[in-house]
Amino acid sequence: MRTTVRIKDDLLRRARKRAADDGRTLTSLIEDGLTLILAKRKASRRERVELPVSKASGGVLPGIDLNRSSDLEEVMDTP
């Protein structure tokens, strides 16, 4: 199929050079580029993941207020 696209002069010049360096046509270079971009977008869609729910009991250590970052830092710094 034929179509017309607008490509920046510098990009087109670089694409033509790359195609020539690789011994291929500009059309095949553009087709491969589009194929890669379209495959990448399709692969980036991930399925929804069900995260496990913890059944652990217990809670926060005595004296730790989760609303105060300084309490958490003290506990994390203690070996």
PDB file of N, CA and C in Angstrom:
ATOM      1  N   MET A   1       0.852  -1.169   0.000  1.00  0.00           N
ATOM      2  CA  MET A   1       0.000   0.000   0.000  1.00  0.00           C
ATOM      3  C   MET A   1       0.899   1.235   0.000  1.00  0.00           C
ATOM      4  N   ARG A   2       0.478   2.222  -0.693  1.00  0.00           N
ATOM      5  CA  ARG A   2       1.224   3.478  -0.743  1.00  0.00           C
ATOM      6  C   ARG A   2       0.536   4.504   0.145  1.00  0.00           C
ATOM      7  N   THR A   3       1.352   5.323   0.779  1.00  0.00           N
ATOM      8  CA  THR A   3       0.829   6.411   1.592  1.00  0.00           C
ATOM      9  C   THR A   3       1.865   7.522   1.628  1.00  0.00           C
ATOM     10  N   THR A   4       1.441   8.670   2.060  1.00  0.00           N
ATOM     11  CA  THR A   4       2.355   9.806   2.166  1.00  0.00           C
ATOM     12  C   THR A   4       2.463  10.184   3.634  1.00  0.00           C
ATOM     13  N   VAL A   5       3.688  10.366   4.076  1.00  0.00           N
ATOM     14  CA  VAL A   5       3.915  10.809   5.451  1.00  0.00           C
ATOM     15  C   VAL A   5       4.871  11.986   5.429  1.00  0.00           C
ATOM     16  N   ARG A   6       4.781  12.814   6.440  1.00  0.00           N
ATOM     17  CA  ARG A   6       5.718  13.935   6.579  1.00  0.00           C
ATOM     18  C   ARG A   6       6.748  13.555   7.627  1.00  0.00           C
ATOM     19  N   ILE A   7       8.010  13.632   7.234  1.00  0.00           N
ATOM     20  CA  ILE A   7       9.116  13.282   8.124  1.00  0.00           C
ATOM     21  C   ILE A   7      10.088  14.446   8.131  1.00  0.00           C
ATOM     22  N   LYS A   8      10.583  14.790   9.305  1.00  0.00           N
ATOM     23  CA  LYS A   8      11.557  15.874   9.398  1.00  0.00           C
ATOM     24  C   LYS A   8      12.763  15.550   8.509  1.00  0.00           C
ATOM     25  N   ASP A   9      13.307  16.606   7.880  1.00  0.00           N
ATOM     26  CA  ASP A   9      14.409  16.422   6.934  1.00  0.00           C
ATOM     27  C   ASP A   9      15.584  15.660   7.534  1.00  0.00           C
ATOM     28  N   ASP A  10      15.978  16.048   8.750  1.00  0.00           N
ATOM     29  CA  ASP A  10      17.126  15.397   9.380  1.00  0.00           C
ATOM     30  C   ASP A  10      16.849  13.920   9.652  1.00  0.00           C
ATOM     31  N   LEU A  11      15.643  13.604  10.120  1.00  0.00           N
ATOM     32  CA  LEU A  11      15.276  12.219  10.403  1.00  0.00           C
ATOM     33  C   LEU A  11      15.263  11.393   9.123  1.00  0.00           C
ATOM     34  N   LEU A  12      14.716  11.951   8.066  1.00  0.00           N
ATOM     35  CA  LEU A  12      14.674  11.247   6.784  1.00  0.00           C
ATOM     36  C   LEU A  12      16.081  11.013   6.256  1.00  0.00           C
ATOM     37  N   ARG A  13      16.937  12.002   6.369  1.00  0.00           N
ATOM     38  CA  ARG A  13      18.329  11.874   5.914  1.00  0.00           C
ATOM     39  C   ARG A  13      19.033  10.759   6.686  1.00  0.00           C
ATOM     40  N   ARG A  14      18.829  10.732   8.013  1.00  0.00           N
ATOM     41  CA  ARG A  14      19.453   9.684   8.837  1.00  0.00           C
ATOM     42  C   ARG A  14      18.885   8.307   8.508  1.00  0.00           C
ATOM     43  N   ALA A  15      17.588   8.240   8.264  1.00  0.00           N
ATOM     44  CA  ALA A  15      16.951   6.961   7.925  1.00  0.00           C
ATOM     45  C   ALA A  15      17.455   6.444   6.584  1.00  0.00           C
ATOM     46  N   ARG A  16      17.573   7.322   5.611  1.00  0.00           N
ATOM     47  CA  ARG A  16      18.097   6.895   4.297  1.00  0.00           C
ATOM     48  C   ARG A  16      19.526   6.388   4.417  1.00  0.00           C
ATOM     49  N   LYS A  17      20.330   7.086   5.215  1.00  0.00           N
ATOM     50  CA  LYS A  17      21.724   6.661   5.406  1.00  0.00           C
ATOM     51  C   LYS A  17      21.776   5.306   6.084  1.00  0.00           C
ATOM     52  N   ARG A  18      20.953   5.127   7.133  1.00  0.00           N
ATOM     53  CA  ARG A  18      20.929   3.844   7.855  1.00  0.00           C
ATOM     54  C   ARG A  18      20.490   2.712   6.938  1.00  0.00           C
ATOM     55  N   ALA A  19      19.470   2.962   6.132  1.00  0.00           N
ATOM     56  CA  ALA A  19      19.001   1.933   5.191  1.00  0.00           C
ATOM     57  C   ALA A  19      20.106   1.576   4.207  1.00  0.00           C
ATOM     58  N   ALA A  20      20.776   2.575   3.676  1.00  0.00           N
ATOM     59  CA  ALA A  20      21.858   2.328   2.720  1.00  0.00           C
ATOM     60  C   ALA A  20      23.003   1.575   3.399  1.00  0.00           C
ATOM     61  N   ASP A  21      23.366   1.988   4.599  1.00  0.00           N
ATOM     62  CA  ASP A  21      24.441   1.305   5.338  1.00  0.00           C
ATOM     63  C   ASP A  21      24.101  -0.157   5.599  1.00  0.00           C
ATOM     64  N   ASP A  22      22.820  -0.433   5.832  1.00  0.00           N
ATOM     65  CA  ASP A  22      22.376  -1.803   6.104  1.00  0.00           C
ATOM     66  C   ASP A  22      22.069  -2.581   4.829  1.00  0.00           C
ATOM     67  N   GLY A  23      22.164  -1.900   3.670  1.00  0.00           N
ATOM     68  CA  GLY A  23      21.880  -2.567   2.391  1.00  0.00           C
ATOM     69  C   GLY A  23      20.419  -2.938   2.228  1.00  0.00           C
ATOM     70  N   ARG A  24      19.543  -2.059   2.638  1.00  0.00           N
ATOM     71  CA  ARG A  24      18.106  -2.325   2.552  1.00  0.00           C
ATOM     72  C   ARG A  24      17.383  -1.090   2.052  1.00  0.00           C
ATOM     73  N   THR A  25      16.112  -1.211   1.830  1.00  0.00           N
ATOM     74  CA  THR A  25      15.330  -0.079   1.347  1.00  0.00           C
ATOM     75  C   THR A  25      14.838   0.758   2.521  1.00  0.00           C
ATOM     76  N   LEU A  26      14.542   2.008   2.224  1.00  0.00           N
ATOM     77  CA  LEU A  26      13.964   2.892   3.229  1.00  0.00           C
ATOM     78  C   LEU A  26      12.617   2.330   3.688  1.00  0.00           C
ATOM     79  N   THR A  27      11.858   1.778   2.756  1.00  0.00           N
ATOM     80  CA  THR A  27      10.554   1.205   3.093  1.00  0.00           C
ATOM     81  C   THR A  27      10.696   0.091   4.125  1.00  0.00           C
ATOM     82  N   SER A  28      11.666  -0.809   3.938  1.00  0.00           N
ATOM     83  CA  SER A  28      11.824  -1.920   4.889  1.00  0.00           C
ATOM     84  C   SER A  28      12.270  -1.408   6.254  1.00  0.00           C
ATOM     85  N   LEU A  29      13.086  -0.363   6.276  1.00  0.00           N
ATOM     86  CA  LEU A  29      13.513   0.230   7.545  1.00  0.00           C
ATOM     87  C   LEU A  29      12.313   0.823   8.286  1.00  0.00           C
ATOM     88  N   ILE A  30      11.480   1.550   7.575  1.00  0.00           N
ATOM     89  CA  ILE A  30      10.286   2.152   8.180  1.00  0.00           C
ATOM     90  C   ILE A  30       9.323   1.070   8.657  1.00  0.00           C
ATOM     91  N   GLU A  31       9.129   0.027   7.856  1.00  0.00           N
ATOM     92  CA  GLU A  31       8.235  -1.066   8.258  1.00  0.00           C
ATOM     93  C   GLU A  31       8.731  -1.743   9.530  1.00  0.00           C
ATOM     94  N   ASP A  32      10.035  -2.008   9.610  1.00  0.00           N
ATOM     95  CA  ASP A  32      10.587  -2.640  10.808  1.00  0.00           C
ATOM     96  C   ASP A  32      10.436  -1.730  12.025  1.00  0.00           C
ATOM     97  N   GLY A  33      10.654  -0.436  11.846  1.00  0.00           N
ATOM     98  CA  GLY A  33      10.492   0.504  12.942  1.00  0.00           C
ATOM     99  C   GLY A  33       9.060   0.542  13.452  1.00  0.00           C
ATOM    100  N   LEU A  34       8.108   0.586  12.546  1.00  0.00           N
ATOM    101  CA  LEU A  34       6.696   0.586  12.942  1.00  0.00           C
ATOM    102  C   LEU A  34       6.325  -0.725  13.631  1.00  0.00           C
ATOM    103  N   THR A  35       6.841  -1.825  13.121  1.00  0.00           N
ATOM    104  CA  THR A  35       6.561  -3.125  13.726  1.00  0.00           C
ATOM    105  C   THR A  35       7.066  -3.169  15.162  1.00  0.00           C
ATOM    106  N   LEU A  36       8.276  -2.668  15.381  1.00  0.00           N
ATOM    107  CA  LEU A  36       8.831  -2.653  16.741  1.00  0.00           C
ATOM    108  C   LEU A  36       7.999  -1.800  17.684  1.00  0.00           C
ATOM    109  N   ILE A  37       7.632  -0.609  17.234  1.00  0.00           N
ATOM    110  CA  ILE A  37       6.849   0.295  18.085  1.00  0.00           C
ATOM    111  C   ILE A  37       5.484  -0.303  18.412  1.00  0.00           C
ATOM    112  N   LEU A  38       4.830  -0.886  17.427  1.00  0.00           N
ATOM    113  CA  LEU A  38       3.505  -1.452  17.661  1.00  0.00           C
ATOM    114  C   LEU A  38       3.569  -2.692  18.548  1.00  0.00           C
ATOM    115  N   ALA A  39       4.607  -3.498  18.411  1.00  0.00           N
ATOM    116  CA  ALA A  39       4.761  -4.684  19.257  1.00  0.00           C
ATOM    117  C   ALA A  39       5.063  -4.273  20.690  1.00  0.00           C
ATOM    118  N   LYS A  40       5.849  -3.223  20.869  1.00  0.00           N
ATOM    119  CA  LYS A  40       6.214  -2.741  22.195  1.00  0.00           C
ATOM    120  C   LYS A  40       4.987  -2.265  22.960  1.00  0.00           C
ATOM    121  N   ARG A  41       4.139  -1.527  22.321  1.00  0.00           N
ATOM    122  CA  ARG A  41       2.933  -1.025  22.978  1.00  0.00           C
ATOM    123  C   ARG A  41       2.033  -2.188  23.378  1.00  0.00           C
ATOM    124  N   LYS A  42       1.904  -3.179  22.507  1.00  0.00           N
ATOM    125  CA  LYS A  42       1.056  -4.328  22.805  1.00  0.00           C
ATOM    126  C   LYS A  42       1.628  -5.118  23.979  1.00  0.00           C
ATOM    127  N   ALA A  43       2.944  -5.263  24.026  1.00  0.00           N
ATOM    128  CA  ALA A  43       3.593  -6.019  25.096  1.00  0.00           C
ATOM    129  C   ALA A  43       3.532  -5.280  26.428  1.00  0.00           C
ATOM    130  N   SER A  44       3.414  -3.953  26.387  1.00  0.00           N
ATOM    131  CA  SER A  44       3.417  -3.193  27.631  1.00  0.00           C
ATOM    132  C   SER A  44       2.094  -3.314  28.391  1.00  0.00           C
ATOM    133  N   ARG A  45       1.074  -3.790  27.733  1.00  0.00           N
ATOM    134  CA  ARG A  45      -0.196  -4.001  28.442  1.00  0.00           C
ATOM    135  C   ARG A  45      -0.063  -5.260  29.276  1.00  0.00           C
ATOM    136  N   ARG A  46      -0.225  -5.103  30.560  1.00  0.00           N
ATOM    137  CA  ARG A  46      -0.073  -6.235  31.452  1.00  0.00           C
ATOM    138  C   ARG A  46      -1.427  -6.689  31.963  1.00  0.00           C
ATOM    139  N   GLU A  47      -1.474  -7.955  32.292  1.00  0.00           N
ATOM    140  CA  GLU A  47      -2.699  -8.478  32.879  1.00  0.00           C
ATOM    141  C   GLU A  47      -2.803  -8.021  34.329  1.00  0.00           C
ATOM    142  N   ARG A  48      -3.997  -7.941  34.803  1.00  0.00           N
ATOM    143  CA  ARG A  48      -4.219  -7.558  36.194  1.00  0.00           C
ATOM    144  C   ARG A  48      -3.694  -8.666  37.096  1.00  0.00           C
ATOM    145  N   VAL A  49      -2.987  -8.284  38.128  1.00  0.00           N
ATOM    146  CA  VAL A  49      -2.384  -9.240  39.045  1.00  0.00           C
ATOM    147  C   VAL A  49      -3.110  -9.182  40.376  1.00  0.00           C
ATOM    148  N   GLU A  50      -3.492 -10.337  40.884  1.00  0.00           N
ATOM    149  CA  GLU A  50      -4.114 -10.422  42.200  1.00  0.00           C
ATOM    150  C   GLU A  50      -3.007 -10.536  43.239  1.00  0.00           C
ATOM    151  N   LEU A  51      -2.919  -9.582  44.123  1.00  0.00           N
ATOM    152  CA  LEU A  51      -1.917  -9.625  45.175  1.00  0.00           C
ATOM    153  C   LEU A  51      -2.452 -10.407  46.366  1.00  0.00           C
ATOM    154  N   PRO A  52      -1.579 -11.187  47.002  1.00  0.00           N
ATOM    155  CA  PRO A  52      -2.042 -11.962  48.149  1.00  0.00           C
ATOM    156  C   PRO A  52      -2.335 -11.046  49.338  1.00  0.00           C
ATOM    157  N   VAL A  53      -3.288 -11.451  50.143  1.00  0.00           N
ATOM    158  CA  VAL A  53      -3.641 -10.707  51.344  1.00  0.00           C
ATOM    159  C   VAL A  53      -2.936 -11.375  52.517  1.00  0.00           C
ATOM    160  N   SER A  54      -2.244 -10.594  53.316  1.00  0.00           N
ATOM    161  CA  SER A  54      -1.512 -11.137  54.458  1.00  0.00           C
ATOM    162  C   SER A  54      -2.482 -11.600  55.537  1.00  0.00           C
ATOM    163  N   LYS A  55      -2.175 -12.763  56.090  1.00  0.00           N
ATOM    164  CA  LYS A  55      -2.970 -13.293  57.197  1.00  0.00           C
ATOM    165  C   LYS A  55      -2.185 -13.194  58.503  1.00  0.00           C
ATOM    166  N   ALA A  56      -1.119 -12.415  58.466  1.00  0.00           N
ATOM    167  CA  ALA A  56      -0.266 -12.262  59.653  1.00  0.00           C
ATOM    168  C   ALA A  56      -1.022 -11.527  60.749  1.00  0.00           C
ATOM    169  N   SER A  57      -0.720 -11.904  61.966  1.00  0.00           N
ATOM    170  CA  SER A  57      -1.331 -11.202  63.092  1.00  0.00           C
ATOM    171  C   SER A  57      -0.269 -10.346  63.755  1.00  0.00           C
ATOM    172  N   GLY A  58      -0.662  -9.553  64.672  1.00  0.00           N
ATOM    173  CA  GLY A  58       0.298  -8.697  65.356  1.00  0.00           C
ATOM    174  C   GLY A  58      -0.011  -7.254  65.037  1.00  0.00           C
ATOM    175  N   GLY A  59       1.000  -6.482  64.846  1.00  0.00           N
ATOM    176  CA  GLY A  59       0.792  -5.084  64.548  1.00  0.00           C
ATOM    177  C   GLY A  59       2.089  -4.320  64.651  1.00  0.00           C
ATOM    178  N   VAL A  60       1.959  -3.072  64.905  1.00  0.00           N
ATOM    179  CA  VAL A  60       3.106  -2.178  64.995  1.00  0.00           C
ATOM    180  C   VAL A  60       3.813  -2.401  66.329  1.00  0.00           C
ATOM    181  N   LEU A  61       5.136  -2.275  66.315  1.00  0.00           N
ATOM    182  CA  LEU A  61       5.903  -2.396  67.554  1.00  0.00           C
ATOM    183  C   LEU A  61       5.456  -1.329  68.548  1.00  0.00           C
ATOM    184  N   PRO A  62       5.508  -1.655  69.835  1.00  0.00           N
ATOM    185  CA  PRO A  62       5.112  -0.663  70.854  1.00  0.00           C
ATOM    186  C   PRO A  62       5.955   0.610  70.729  1.00  0.00           C
ATOM    187  N   GLY A  63       5.322   1.748  70.843  1.00  0.00           N
ATOM    188  CA  GLY A  63       6.025   3.025  70.802  1.00  0.00           C
ATOM    189  C   GLY A  63       6.246   3.567  69.397  1.00  0.00           C
ATOM    190  N   ILE A  64       5.773   2.864  68.377  1.00  0.00           N
ATOM    191  CA  ILE A  64       5.953   3.318  66.996  1.00  0.00           C
ATOM    192  C   ILE A  64       4.653   3.944  66.509  1.00  0.00           C
ATOM    193  N   ASP A  65       4.740   5.186  66.086  1.00  0.00           N
ATOM    194  CA  ASP A  65       3.594   5.887  65.513  1.00  0.00           C
ATOM    195  C   ASP A  65       3.842   5.979  64.008  1.00  0.00           C
ATOM    196  N   LEU A  66       3.042   5.290  63.218  1.00  0.00           N
ATOM    197  CA  LEU A  66       3.240   5.264  61.766  1.00  0.00           C
ATOM    198  C   LEU A  66       3.051   6.631  61.116  1.00  0.00           C
ATOM    199  N   ASN A  67       2.468   7.565  61.842  1.00  0.00           N
ATOM    200  CA  ASN A  67       2.297   8.910  61.309  1.00  0.00           C
ATOM    201  C   ASN A  67       3.525   9.786  61.532  1.00  0.00           C
ATOM    202  N   ARG A  68       4.507   9.267  62.276  1.00  0.00           N
ATOM    203  CA  ARG A  68       5.728  10.036  62.555  1.00  0.00           C
ATOM    204  C   ARG A  68       6.906   9.319  61.908  1.00  0.00           C
ATOM    205  N   SER A  69       7.438   9.908  60.863  1.00  0.00           N
ATOM    206  CA  SER A  69       8.543   9.275  60.145  1.00  0.00           C
ATOM    207  C   SER A  69       9.790   9.140  61.006  1.00  0.00           C
ATOM    208  N   SER A  70       9.959  10.017  61.986  1.00  0.00           N
ATOM    209  CA  SER A  70      11.138   9.929  62.854  1.00  0.00           C
ATOM    210  C   SER A  70      11.116   8.628  63.667  1.00  0.00           C
ATOM    211  N   ASP A  71       9.927   8.169  64.096  1.00  0.00           N
ATOM    212  CA  ASP A  71       9.825   6.901  64.805  1.00  0.00           C
ATOM    213  C   ASP A  71      10.278   5.754  63.915  1.00  0.00           C
ATOM    214  N   LEU A  72       9.854   5.778  62.672  1.00  0.00           N
ATOM    215  CA  LEU A  72      10.215   4.716  61.730  1.00  0.00           C
ATOM    216  C   LEU A  72      11.716   4.739  61.439  1.00  0.00           C
ATOM    217  N   GLU A  73      12.272   5.919  61.286  1.00  0.00           N
ATOM    218  CA  GLU A  73      13.703   6.034  60.997  1.00  0.00           C
ATOM    219  C   GLU A  73      14.524   5.489  62.162  1.00  0.00           C
ATOM    220  N   GLU A  74      14.108   5.768  63.390  1.00  0.00           N
ATOM    221  CA  GLU A  74      14.831   5.266  64.555  1.00  0.00           C
ATOM    222  C   GLU A  74      14.854   3.739  64.565  1.00  0.00           C
ATOM    223  N   VAL A  75      13.734   3.112  64.293  1.00  0.00           N
ATOM    224  CA  VAL A  75      13.637   1.663  64.282  1.00  0.00           C
ATOM    225  C   VAL A  75      14.471   1.082  63.142  1.00  0.00           C
ATOM    226  N   MET A  76      14.462   1.715  61.985  1.00  0.00           N
ATOM    227  CA  MET A  76      15.202   1.225  60.837  1.00  0.00           C
ATOM    228  C   MET A  76      16.703   1.367  61.039  1.00  0.00           C
ATOM    229  N   ASP A  77      17.135   2.372  61.770  1.00  0.00           N
ATOM    230  CA  ASP A  77      18.558   2.585  62.028  1.00  0.00           C
ATOM    231  C   ASP A  77      19.092   1.664  63.104  1.00  0.00           C
ATOM    232  N   THR A  78      18.205   1.096  63.933  1.00  0.00           N
ATOM    233  CA  THR A  78      18.628   0.224  65.022  1.00  0.00           C
ATOM    234  C   THR A  78      18.884  -1.171  64.473  1.00  0.00           C
ATOM    235  N   PRO A  79      20.062  -1.760  64.775  1.00  0.00           N
ATOM    236  CA  PRO A  79      20.356  -3.105  64.261  1.00  0.00           C
ATOM    237  C   PRO A  79      19.525  -4.189  64.889  1.00  0.00           C
TER     238      PRO A  79
END
